[in-house]
Amino acid sequence: MLLPDEVYVYGDCAINPDPTAEQLAEIAIQSADSAKAFGIDPRIAMISYSTGTSGTGADVEKVQQATQIAQQRRPDLLIDGPLQYDAASVESVGRQKAPDSRVAGRANVFIFPDLNTGNTTYKAVQRAANVVSVGPMLQGLNKPVNDLSRGALVDDIVFTIALTAIQAEQQAAAK
């Protein structure tokens, strides 16, 4: 998501309807690596309807587990969760709801607990803020492949094509 002053990476907004904690952790790690490949220093928020222990339930537990798995696999990454979207993205709210977090209020990589949440959030933010949406970018494949919403705007299409070309170039250079 190309905002006026920052780029946000959202995952997963297009493929996995209800990822497991293990899959969410992998989505977080791949999204962080994708962000790094484009010069973004990732601060990853694992999104939930709960910040910390403010709520309970199976969905919150899944996000807690995913956060722990991702942190164990990649201690070099700044990953926190569960965080509500406002706590992850708005500095004053992050300080209030998660004062000890190094991610809260500063996140730029947002990992959603399921497709319903991810897809509706990315489309709502894109349309309400009138910003360019790049992708969805598909990760974990052998070749660069990306997707476009049927409602994609011309700028969305152009930037997604550019993203795919850059990914192909990076992949060729890595060989």
N, C-alpha and C. Protein backbone atom coordinates (compact mmCIF):
# COMPACT_ATOMS: atom_id res chain seq x y z
N MET A 1 0.85 -1.16 0.00
CA MET A 1 0.00 0.00 0.00
C MET A 1 0.91 1.23 0.00
N LEU A 2 0.78 2.05 -1.03
CA LEU A 2 1.64 3.23 -1.14
C LEU A 2 0.92 4.44 -0.55
N LEU A 3 1.23 4.72 0.72
CA LEU A 3 0.67 5.88 1.40
C LEU A 3 1.52 7.10 1.07
N PRO A 4 1.03 8.30 1.35
CA PRO A 4 1.80 9.50 0.98
C PRO A 4 3.21 9.54 1.58
N ASP A 5 3.38 9.08 2.83
CA ASP A 5 4.68 9.18 3.49
C ASP A 5 5.31 7.84 3.84
N GLU A 6 4.65 6.75 3.50
CA GLU A 6 5.15 5.44 3.92
C GLU A 6 4.56 4.35 3.04
N VAL A 7 5.25 3.23 3.02
CA VAL A 7 4.75 2.04 2.32
C VAL A 7 4.37 1.01 3.37
N TYR A 8 3.17 0.47 3.24
CA TYR A 8 2.71 -0.61 4.12
C TYR A 8 2.68 -1.90 3.33
N VAL A 9 3.07 -2.97 3.99
CA VAL A 9 2.97 -4.31 3.43
C VAL A 9 1.87 -5.04 4.20
N TYR A 10 0.90 -5.59 3.48
CA TYR A 10 -0.20 -6.33 4.10
C TYR A 10 -0.10 -7.79 3.68
N GLY A 11 -0.31 -8.70 4.62
CA GLY A 11 -0.33 -10.13 4.29
C GLY A 11 -1.33 -10.84 5.19
N ASP A 12 -1.94 -11.78 4.82
CA ASP A 12 -2.25 -12.28 3.50
C ASP A 12 -3.61 -11.73 3.12
N CYS A 13 -3.67 -11.11 1.98
CA CYS A 13 -4.91 -10.45 1.53
C CYS A 13 -5.56 -11.14 0.34
N ALA A 14 -5.02 -12.30 -0.08
CA ALA A 14 -5.53 -12.85 -1.33
C ALA A 14 -5.61 -14.37 -1.42
N ILE A 15 -4.92 -15.13 -0.59
CA ILE A 15 -4.79 -16.56 -0.86
C ILE A 15 -5.35 -17.46 0.24
N ASN A 16 -4.85 -17.36 1.45
CA ASN A 16 -5.17 -18.31 2.52
C ASN A 16 -6.40 -17.88 3.32
N PRO A 17 -7.52 -18.59 3.18
CA PRO A 17 -8.74 -18.18 3.88
C PRO A 17 -8.60 -18.18 5.40
N ASP A 18 -7.95 -19.20 5.96
CA ASP A 18 -7.84 -19.32 7.41
C ASP A 18 -6.51 -19.98 7.76
N PRO A 19 -5.40 -19.23 7.65
CA PRO A 19 -4.09 -19.84 7.89
C PRO A 19 -3.92 -20.30 9.34
N THR A 20 -3.13 -21.35 9.51
CA THR A 20 -2.77 -21.83 10.83
C THR A 20 -1.76 -20.86 11.45
N ALA A 21 -1.46 -21.05 12.73
CA ALA A 21 -0.44 -20.23 13.39
C ALA A 21 0.90 -20.39 12.68
N GLU A 22 1.22 -21.60 12.29
CA GLU A 22 2.46 -21.88 11.57
C GLU A 22 2.50 -21.11 10.24
N GLN A 23 1.39 -21.14 9.51
CA GLN A 23 1.32 -20.44 8.23
C GLN A 23 1.40 -18.93 8.42
N LEU A 24 0.74 -18.41 9.46
CA LEU A 24 0.81 -16.97 9.74
C LEU A 24 2.25 -16.55 10.04
N ALA A 25 2.96 -17.37 10.80
CA ALA A 25 4.36 -17.07 11.10
C ALA A 25 5.17 -17.01 9.81
N GLU A 26 4.94 -17.96 8.92
CA GLU A 26 5.67 -17.99 7.64
C GLU A 26 5.28 -16.78 6.77
N ILE A 27 4.01 -16.41 6.77
CA ILE A 27 3.57 -15.22 6.03
C ILE A 27 4.28 -13.98 6.58
N ALA A 28 4.40 -13.89 7.90
CA ALA A 28 5.08 -12.75 8.51
C ALA A 28 6.54 -12.68 8.09
N ILE A 29 7.21 -13.82 8.11
CA ILE A 29 8.63 -13.87 7.76
C ILE A 29 8.83 -13.54 6.28
N GLN A 30 8.02 -14.15 5.41
CA GLN A 30 8.14 -13.87 3.98
C GLN A 30 7.81 -12.41 3.67
N SER A 31 6.82 -11.86 4.36
CA SER A 31 6.46 -10.46 4.14
C SER A 31 7.58 -9.53 4.59
N ALA A 32 8.22 -9.86 5.71
CA ALA A 32 9.35 -9.07 6.18
C ALA A 32 10.50 -9.13 5.18
N ASP A 33 10.78 -10.32 4.66
CA ASP A 33 11.85 -10.46 3.67
C ASP A 33 11.51 -9.71 2.38
N SER A 34 10.25 -9.74 1.98
CA SER A 34 9.83 -8.98 0.80
C SER A 34 10.01 -7.49 1.04
N ALA A 35 9.62 -7.03 2.22
CA ALA A 35 9.80 -5.61 2.56
C ALA A 35 11.27 -5.23 2.48
N LYS A 36 12.13 -6.06 3.07
CA LYS A 36 13.57 -5.78 3.04
C LYS A 36 14.11 -5.72 1.62
N ALA A 37 13.61 -6.59 0.75
CA ALA A 37 14.08 -6.62 -0.64
C ALA A 37 13.78 -5.31 -1.36
N PHE A 38 12.81 -4.56 -0.85
CA PHE A 38 12.45 -3.27 -1.46
C PHE A 38 12.88 -2.09 -0.59
N GLY A 39 13.84 -2.33 0.31
CA GLY A 39 14.43 -1.25 1.08
C GLY A 39 13.61 -0.77 2.26
N ILE A 40 12.65 -1.57 2.69
CA ILE A 40 11.81 -1.21 3.83
C ILE A 40 12.32 -1.95 5.05
N ASP A 41 12.58 -1.24 6.14
CA ASP A 41 12.98 -1.85 7.40
C ASP A 41 11.71 -2.35 8.09
N PRO A 42 11.46 -3.67 8.08
CA PRO A 42 10.15 -4.16 8.53
C PRO A 42 9.94 -4.09 10.04
N ARG A 43 8.77 -3.59 10.40
CA ARG A 43 8.27 -3.63 11.78
C ARG A 43 6.92 -4.33 11.68
N ILE A 44 6.88 -5.59 12.11
CA ILE A 44 5.76 -6.48 11.81
C ILE A 44 4.75 -6.53 12.94
N ALA A 45 3.50 -6.23 12.61
CA ALA A 45 2.40 -6.33 13.57
C ALA A 45 1.52 -7.51 13.19
N MET A 46 1.32 -8.40 14.14
CA MET A 46 0.42 -9.52 13.96
C MET A 46 -0.96 -9.04 14.43
N ILE A 47 -1.86 -8.82 13.49
CA ILE A 47 -3.12 -8.14 13.75
C ILE A 47 -4.17 -9.09 14.34
N SER A 48 -4.92 -8.54 15.30
CA SER A 48 -5.99 -9.28 15.98
C SER A 48 -7.02 -8.27 16.46
N TYR A 49 -8.13 -8.79 16.96
CA TYR A 49 -9.09 -7.90 17.61
C TYR A 49 -8.67 -7.60 19.04
N SER A 50 -7.55 -8.16 19.47
CA SER A 50 -7.03 -7.96 20.81
C SER A 50 -5.62 -7.40 20.74
N THR A 51 -5.31 -6.48 21.63
CA THR A 51 -3.93 -6.05 21.80
C THR A 51 -3.42 -6.68 23.07
N GLY A 52 -2.35 -7.46 22.95
CA GLY A 52 -1.83 -8.17 24.12
C GLY A 52 -2.87 -9.14 24.65
N THR A 53 -3.23 -8.95 25.90
CA THR A 53 -4.20 -9.85 26.54
C THR A 53 -5.55 -9.16 26.77
N SER A 54 -5.86 -8.13 25.97
CA SER A 54 -7.12 -7.40 26.17
C SER A 54 -8.34 -8.23 25.78
N GLY A 55 -8.15 -9.26 24.97
CA GLY A 55 -9.25 -10.13 24.56
C GLY A 55 -8.79 -11.57 24.59
N THR A 56 -9.75 -12.47 24.55
CA THR A 56 -9.42 -13.89 24.57
C THR A 56 -10.19 -14.61 23.48
N GLY A 57 -9.78 -15.82 23.22
CA GLY A 57 -10.47 -16.64 22.25
C GLY A 57 -9.49 -17.35 21.34
N ALA A 58 -10.00 -18.30 20.57
CA ALA A 58 -9.16 -19.10 19.69
C ALA A 58 -8.42 -18.25 18.66
N ASP A 59 -9.08 -17.23 18.14
CA ASP A 59 -8.44 -16.37 17.13
C ASP A 59 -7.25 -15.61 17.72
N VAL A 60 -7.41 -15.12 18.95
CA VAL A 60 -6.32 -14.41 19.61
C VAL A 60 -5.17 -15.37 19.91
N GLU A 61 -5.51 -16.57 20.37
CA GLU A 61 -4.48 -17.57 20.68
C GLU A 61 -3.69 -17.94 19.43
N LYS A 62 -4.36 -18.03 18.29
CA LYS A 62 -3.67 -18.35 17.03
C LYS A 62 -2.65 -17.26 16.70
N VAL A 63 -3.04 -16.01 16.87
CA VAL A 63 -2.12 -14.90 16.58
C VAL A 63 -0.97 -14.88 17.59
N GLN A 64 -1.26 -15.17 18.86
CA GLN A 64 -0.20 -15.25 19.87
C GLN A 64 0.81 -16.34 19.49
N GLN A 65 0.30 -17.51 19.11
CA GLN A 65 1.19 -18.61 18.73
C GLN A 65 2.01 -18.25 17.49
N ALA A 66 1.37 -17.66 16.51
CA ALA A 66 2.07 -17.27 15.28
C ALA A 66 3.18 -16.28 15.59
N THR A 67 2.90 -15.34 16.48
CA THR A 67 3.91 -14.35 16.87
C THR A 67 5.10 -15.03 17.51
N GLN A 68 4.84 -15.95 18.42
CA GLN A 68 5.92 -16.67 19.10
C GLN A 68 6.75 -17.49 18.12
N ILE A 69 6.09 -18.18 17.20
CA ILE A 69 6.80 -18.99 16.20
C ILE A 69 7.69 -18.09 15.34
N ALA A 70 7.14 -17.00 14.86
CA ALA A 70 7.92 -16.09 14.00
C ALA A 70 9.10 -15.49 14.77
N GLN A 71 8.88 -15.10 16.02
CA GLN A 71 9.96 -14.53 16.82
C GLN A 71 11.07 -15.55 17.07
N GLN A 72 10.69 -16.81 17.29
CA GLN A 72 11.69 -17.86 17.51
C GLN A 72 12.49 -18.14 16.24
N ARG A 73 11.81 -18.16 15.10
CA ARG A 73 12.48 -18.45 13.83
C ARG A 73 13.37 -17.31 13.36
N ARG A 74 12.92 -16.10 13.62
CA ARG A 74 13.65 -14.92 13.13
C ARG A 74 13.79 -13.88 14.24
N PRO A 75 14.67 -14.14 15.21
CA PRO A 75 14.85 -13.17 16.29
C PRO A 75 15.43 -11.84 15.81
N ASP A 76 15.92 -11.79 14.57
CA ASP A 76 16.46 -10.55 14.01
C ASP A 76 15.36 -9.57 13.60
N LEU A 77 14.12 -10.05 13.53
CA LEU A 77 13.01 -9.20 13.08
C LEU A 77 12.25 -8.60 14.26
N LEU A 78 11.73 -7.39 14.06
CA LEU A 78 10.84 -6.78 15.05
C LEU A 78 9.42 -7.26 14.75
N ILE A 79 8.92 -8.16 15.59
CA ILE A 79 7.59 -8.74 15.41
C ILE A 79 6.86 -8.65 16.73
N ASP A 80 5.63 -8.14 16.70
CA ASP A 80 4.84 -8.09 17.92
C ASP A 80 3.39 -8.42 17.60
N GLY A 81 2.72 -8.98 18.57
CA GLY A 81 1.32 -9.30 18.43
C GLY A 81 0.85 -10.13 19.60
N PRO A 82 -0.41 -10.24 19.73
CA PRO A 82 -1.43 -9.62 18.90
C PRO A 82 -1.54 -8.11 19.15
N LEU A 83 -1.80 -7.40 18.06
CA LEU A 83 -2.03 -5.96 18.12
C LEU A 83 -3.27 -5.63 17.30
N GLN A 84 -4.10 -4.75 17.83
CA GLN A 84 -5.21 -4.23 17.04
C GLN A 84 -4.62 -3.27 16.00
N TYR A 85 -5.34 -3.10 14.89
CA TYR A 85 -4.81 -2.27 13.80
C TYR A 85 -4.47 -0.86 14.28
N ASP A 86 -5.34 -0.26 15.09
CA ASP A 86 -5.05 1.10 15.55
C ASP A 86 -3.82 1.14 16.45
N ALA A 87 -3.64 0.13 17.28
CA ALA A 87 -2.47 0.08 18.14
C ALA A 87 -1.19 -0.14 17.33
N ALA A 88 -1.31 -0.83 16.22
CA ALA A 88 -0.16 -1.09 15.36
C ALA A 88 0.23 0.12 14.52
N SER A 89 -0.76 0.91 14.12
CA SER A 89 -0.50 1.95 13.11
C SER A 89 -0.51 3.39 13.62
N VAL A 90 -1.09 3.63 14.76
CA VAL A 90 -1.20 5.00 15.29
C VAL A 90 -0.33 5.11 16.54
N GLU A 91 0.68 5.98 16.47
CA GLU A 91 1.66 6.05 17.55
C GLU A 91 1.05 6.31 18.92
N SER A 92 0.14 7.27 19.02
CA SER A 92 -0.45 7.58 20.33
C SER A 92 -1.26 6.41 20.88
N VAL A 93 -1.96 5.70 20.01
CA VAL A 93 -2.74 4.53 20.44
C VAL A 93 -1.80 3.40 20.83
N GLY A 94 -0.75 3.20 20.05
CA GLY A 94 0.23 2.17 20.37
C GLY A 94 0.88 2.39 21.72
N ARG A 95 1.23 3.64 22.03
CA ARG A 95 1.83 3.94 23.34
C ARG A 95 0.86 3.63 24.47
N GLN A 96 -0.42 3.89 24.24
CA GLN A 96 -1.43 3.66 25.28
C GLN A 96 -1.73 2.17 25.46
N LYS A 97 -1.93 1.45 24.36
CA LYS A 97 -2.36 0.06 24.43
C LYS A 97 -1.20 -0.93 24.61
N ALA A 98 -0.03 -0.59 24.11
CA ALA A 98 1.12 -1.50 24.17
C ALA A 98 2.40 -0.70 24.41
N PRO A 99 2.52 -0.10 25.60
CA PRO A 99 3.62 0.84 25.85
C PRO A 99 5.02 0.23 25.77
N ASP A 100 5.14 -1.08 25.95
CA ASP A 100 6.46 -1.71 25.91
C ASP A 100 6.82 -2.27 24.54
N SER A 101 5.94 -2.11 23.58
CA SER A 101 6.16 -2.66 22.25
C SER A 101 7.08 -1.78 21.41
N ARG A 102 7.99 -2.42 20.67
CA ARG A 102 8.85 -1.69 19.74
C ARG A 102 8.20 -1.57 18.37
N VAL A 103 7.04 -2.20 18.21
CA VAL A 103 6.32 -2.19 16.93
C VAL A 103 5.07 -1.32 17.00
N ALA A 104 4.37 -1.37 18.11
CA ALA A 104 3.09 -0.67 18.24
C ALA A 104 3.23 0.80 17.86
N GLY A 105 2.30 1.25 17.03
CA GLY A 105 2.30 2.63 16.57
C GLY A 105 3.29 2.93 15.47
N ARG A 106 4.12 1.93 15.12
CA ARG A 106 5.18 2.13 14.13
C ARG A 106 5.22 1.03 13.07
N ALA A 107 4.23 0.16 13.08
CA ALA A 107 4.25 -0.99 12.17
C ALA A 107 4.18 -0.54 10.71
N ASN A 108 4.86 -1.29 9.86
CA ASN A 108 4.73 -1.07 8.42
C ASN A 108 4.48 -2.38 7.67
N VAL A 109 4.50 -3.49 8.39
CA VAL A 109 4.12 -4.79 7.85
C VAL A 109 3.00 -5.31 8.75
N PHE A 110 1.84 -5.53 8.16
CA PHE A 110 0.65 -5.93 8.90
C PHE A 110 0.24 -7.32 8.46
N ILE A 111 0.23 -8.27 9.40
CA ILE A 111 -0.14 -9.64 9.08
C ILE A 111 -1.52 -9.90 9.67
N PHE A 112 -2.47 -10.18 8.80
CA PHE A 112 -3.86 -10.36 9.21
C PHE A 112 -4.15 -11.82 9.53
N PRO A 113 -5.05 -12.07 10.47
CA PRO A 113 -5.29 -13.44 10.93
C PRO A 113 -6.01 -14.33 9.93
N ASP A 114 -6.68 -13.72 8.96
CA ASP A 114 -7.41 -14.52 7.97
C ASP A 114 -7.67 -13.66 6.73
N LEU A 115 -8.12 -14.33 5.69
CA LEU A 115 -8.35 -13.66 4.41
C LEU A 115 -9.45 -12.60 4.51
N ASN A 116 -10.50 -12.90 5.25
CA ASN A 116 -11.60 -11.95 5.40
C ASN A 116 -11.08 -10.62 5.95
N THR A 117 -10.30 -10.68 7.00
CA THR A 117 -9.77 -9.46 7.61
C THR A 117 -8.78 -8.75 6.69
N GLY A 118 -7.86 -9.50 6.11
CA GLY A 118 -6.83 -8.92 5.26
C GLY A 118 -7.38 -8.27 4.01
N ASN A 119 -8.26 -8.99 3.32
CA ASN A 119 -8.79 -8.48 2.06
C ASN A 119 -9.67 -7.25 2.27
N THR A 120 -10.55 -7.30 3.25
CA THR A 120 -11.43 -6.15 3.47
C THR A 120 -10.65 -4.94 3.98
N THR A 121 -9.64 -5.17 4.81
CA THR A 121 -8.85 -4.05 5.31
C THR A 121 -8.07 -3.38 4.20
N TYR A 122 -7.41 -4.19 3.36
CA TYR A 122 -6.60 -3.56 2.30
C TYR A 122 -7.48 -2.78 1.33
N LYS A 123 -8.63 -3.32 1.00
CA LYS A 123 -9.51 -2.59 0.07
C LYS A 123 -10.11 -1.35 0.72
N ALA A 124 -10.46 -1.44 2.00
CA ALA A 124 -11.01 -0.27 2.70
C ALA A 124 -9.98 0.85 2.81
N VAL A 125 -8.75 0.49 3.19
CA VAL A 125 -7.70 1.50 3.31
C VAL A 125 -7.40 2.11 1.94
N GLN A 126 -7.28 1.27 0.92
CA GLN A 126 -6.98 1.78 -0.42
C GLN A 126 -8.03 2.79 -0.87
N ARG A 127 -9.28 2.43 -0.74
CA ARG A 127 -10.35 3.30 -1.25
C ARG A 127 -10.58 4.52 -0.36
N ALA A 128 -10.55 4.34 0.96
CA ALA A 128 -10.81 5.46 1.86
C ALA A 128 -9.68 6.49 1.81
N ALA A 129 -8.44 6.01 1.68
CA ALA A 129 -7.29 6.92 1.66
C ALA A 129 -6.90 7.34 0.25
N ASN A 130 -7.55 6.73 -0.76
CA ASN A 130 -7.26 7.04 -2.16
C ASN A 130 -5.77 6.87 -2.47
N VAL A 131 -5.26 5.67 -2.15
CA VAL A 131 -3.85 5.38 -2.37
C VAL A 131 -3.70 4.22 -3.35
N VAL A 132 -2.47 4.04 -3.81
CA VAL A 132 -2.17 2.96 -4.75
C VAL A 132 -1.96 1.66 -3.97
N SER A 133 -2.56 0.61 -4.47
CA SER A 133 -2.36 -0.72 -3.91
C SER A 133 -1.52 -1.52 -4.89
N VAL A 134 -0.39 -2.02 -4.44
CA VAL A 134 0.49 -2.83 -5.28
C VAL A 134 0.23 -4.29 -4.95
N GLY A 135 -0.17 -5.05 -5.96
CA GLY A 135 -0.44 -6.47 -5.72
C GLY A 135 -1.92 -6.73 -5.57
N PRO A 136 -2.21 -7.81 -4.92
CA PRO A 136 -1.45 -8.62 -3.99
C PRO A 136 -0.21 -9.28 -4.61
N MET A 137 0.87 -9.26 -3.81
CA MET A 137 2.13 -9.88 -4.17
C MET A 137 2.11 -11.30 -3.62
N LEU A 138 2.29 -12.27 -4.48
CA LEU A 138 2.30 -13.67 -4.06
C LEU A 138 3.72 -14.05 -3.65
N GLN A 139 3.84 -14.72 -2.52
CA GLN A 139 5.16 -15.05 -1.97
C GLN A 139 5.33 -16.56 -1.87
N GLY A 140 6.57 -16.99 -1.80
CA GLY A 140 6.86 -18.40 -1.60
C GLY A 140 6.81 -19.24 -2.86
N LEU A 141 6.77 -18.59 -4.02
CA LEU A 141 6.72 -19.32 -5.29
C LEU A 141 8.11 -19.31 -5.94
N ASN A 142 8.30 -20.18 -6.91
CA ASN A 142 9.60 -20.27 -7.59
C ASN A 142 9.86 -19.09 -8.51
N LYS A 143 8.82 -18.48 -9.02
CA LYS A 143 8.94 -17.34 -9.94
C LYS A 143 8.07 -16.19 -9.43
N PRO A 144 8.41 -14.95 -9.80
CA PRO A 144 7.57 -13.83 -9.40
C PRO A 144 6.19 -13.90 -10.07
N VAL A 145 5.17 -13.94 -9.25
CA VAL A 145 3.79 -13.95 -9.72
C VAL A 145 3.00 -13.04 -8.79
N ASN A 146 2.22 -12.16 -9.36
CA ASN A 146 1.41 -11.27 -8.54
C ASN A 146 -0.01 -11.24 -9.07
N ASP A 147 -0.90 -10.69 -8.28
CA ASP A 147 -2.32 -10.72 -8.57
C ASP A 147 -2.84 -9.29 -8.65
N LEU A 148 -3.98 -9.15 -9.26
CA LEU A 148 -4.67 -7.86 -9.30
C LEU A 148 -6.14 -8.07 -8.97
N SER A 149 -6.70 -7.16 -8.23
CA SER A 149 -8.13 -7.18 -7.96
C SER A 149 -8.87 -6.80 -9.24
N ARG A 150 -10.06 -7.33 -9.40
CA ARG A 150 -10.87 -6.93 -10.56
C ARG A 150 -11.20 -5.44 -10.49
N GLY A 151 -11.13 -4.86 -9.31
CA GLY A 151 -11.39 -3.43 -9.14
C GLY A 151 -10.13 -2.59 -9.18
N ALA A 152 -9.01 -3.17 -9.63
CA ALA A 152 -7.73 -2.45 -9.66
C ALA A 152 -7.82 -1.20 -10.54
N LEU A 153 -7.18 -0.15 -10.08
CA LEU A 153 -7.07 1.09 -10.84
C LEU A 153 -5.84 1.02 -11.74
N VAL A 154 -5.74 1.90 -12.70
CA VAL A 154 -4.61 1.90 -13.64
C VAL A 154 -3.28 1.98 -12.88
N ASP A 155 -3.18 2.88 -11.90
CA ASP A 155 -1.93 2.99 -11.14
C ASP A 155 -1.61 1.70 -10.40
N ASP A 156 -2.62 1.02 -9.87
CA ASP A 156 -2.40 -0.26 -9.20
C ASP A 156 -1.76 -1.25 -10.17
N ILE A 157 -2.28 -1.28 -11.38
CA ILE A 157 -1.79 -2.21 -12.40
C ILE A 157 -0.35 -1.88 -12.78
N VAL A 158 -0.08 -0.61 -13.03
CA VAL A 158 1.27 -0.19 -13.44
C VAL A 158 2.29 -0.51 -12.34
N PHE A 159 1.97 -0.18 -11.10
CA PHE A 159 2.91 -0.44 -10.01
C PHE A 159 3.09 -1.94 -9.77
N THR A 160 2.04 -2.72 -9.95
CA THR A 160 2.16 -4.17 -9.77
C THR A 160 3.03 -4.78 -10.87
N ILE A 161 2.90 -4.30 -12.09
CA ILE A 161 3.77 -4.75 -13.18
C ILE A 161 5.23 -4.39 -12.86
N ALA A 162 5.45 -3.18 -12.38
CA ALA A 162 6.81 -2.76 -12.02
C ALA A 162 7.36 -3.64 -10.89
N LEU A 163 6.54 -3.93 -9.89
CA LEU A 163 6.95 -4.81 -8.80
C LEU A 163 7.39 -6.17 -9.34
N THR A 164 6.59 -6.73 -10.22
CA THR A 164 6.90 -8.05 -10.77
C THR A 164 8.20 -8.02 -11.57
N ALA A 165 8.42 -6.97 -12.33
CA ALA A 165 9.67 -6.84 -13.09
C ALA A 165 10.87 -6.73 -12.16
N ILE A 166 10.74 -5.97 -11.09
CA ILE A 166 11.84 -5.84 -10.12
C ILE A 166 12.11 -7.18 -9.46
N GLN A 167 11.05 -7.90 -9.08
CA GLN A 167 11.24 -9.22 -8.48
C GLN A 167 11.98 -10.16 -9.44
N ALA A 168 11.61 -10.14 -10.71
CA ALA A 168 12.27 -10.99 -11.70
C ALA A 168 13.74 -10.63 -11.84
N GLU A 169 14.03 -9.34 -11.85
CA GLU A 169 15.41 -8.87 -11.94
C GLU A 169 16.21 -9.30 -10.71
N GLN A 170 15.62 -9.15 -9.51
CA GLN A 170 16.30 -9.55 -8.28
C GLN A 170 16.56 -11.05 -8.28
N GLN A 171 15.59 -11.82 -8.74
CA GLN A 171 15.75 -13.27 -8.79
C GLN A 171 16.86 -13.67 -9.76
N ALA A 172 16.91 -13.03 -10.92
CA ALA A 172 17.95 -13.32 -11.90
C ALA A 172 19.33 -12.95 -11.37
N ALA A 173 19.42 -11.84 -10.66
CA ALA A 173 20.70 -11.39 -10.11
C ALA A 173 21.19 -12.32 -9.00
N ALA A 174 20.27 -12.98 -8.31
CA ALA A 174 20.63 -13.87 -7.21
C ALA A 174 21.17 -15.21 -7.70
N LYS A 175 20.96 -15.52 -8.97
CA LYS A 175 21.41 -16.82 -9.51
C LYS A 175 22.88 -16.86 -9.75
